């Protein structure tokens, strides 16, 4: 859309025909962006398929090499195992001879009534010199990874901190004071532009569906609910729409007011007179997907 059309849209007293023309131009922009997104997705799919094919060939080559190495290793192990078996048989035979000698000494002691006859130490000596194959090794313990600790319920975070819950991390990344960029507002209204990033560390892809008008609320230091507006490049008086997408594991997304405006720097706009010294802070509350009752404090300095 041209700057001239935007000026007409922002201006007061436009005709119905001009407004329809502006809406038609915006629809053309949306259609063009959607076609660009589809083209990018097709290109990414082709690249992904090529990578998967190359990985498959590499896996086959590695498998063949592993098979050859395993065959050579087994041959060497068989030769070593035969020698170890012979040594183990000799050790077992020595232990059996020691047991037989001790048993004979005990029987002689009983038959002769000689109470001074003591058992020999042959068994202990033989056991001490027996090979280590009779010992069962203790399993090696490995350190386990520390799971991400959830943020305690009831916490109130500061700007730049992340709320962690059920494998999700929601961060209030940026806050900026400004005015609603709509020239039809008289007088011009002040407020806060707020930006949120949501990260998925749950180990799974998760479908997410949200509407920021329902997911995000804010109150001032008097407990008054603040009016919310969407951020759509140039306008903040629009109502946020429902956004649906598959949230990939390990990825981070910016929460958006409208599904087709991914170039927006902020998520939502809250109307509050930041020039008034009576207003000193805003508490923001978010409920989205696995994140519930996440709260941040935004101070207003004068």
Foldseek 3Di string as FASTA:
>chain_A
DDPVLVVLVLDPDHDPVSVVVSVVVVVVVLVVLVVVVVVVVVVVVVVVVVVVVVVVVVVVVVVVVVVVVVVVVVVVVVVVVVVVVVLLVVLVVQLVVLVVVQVVQVVVCVVVVPPVRDGDCSNVVSVVPHDPPVPDDDDDDDDDDDDDDADDPPDAAAAQAWGDFQQKTKHFHDKDKDWFQRNVDVPIFIWIFTKMKMAGQNPAWAKWKDACQPFKWKAFPVRDTWDKFFDAPRGTNHGFDMEIDTHGHGDMAIAHSYHRRRVDPGHIITTDRLVDPVTFWMKMFGDTDRDHRHIYIGTRDD
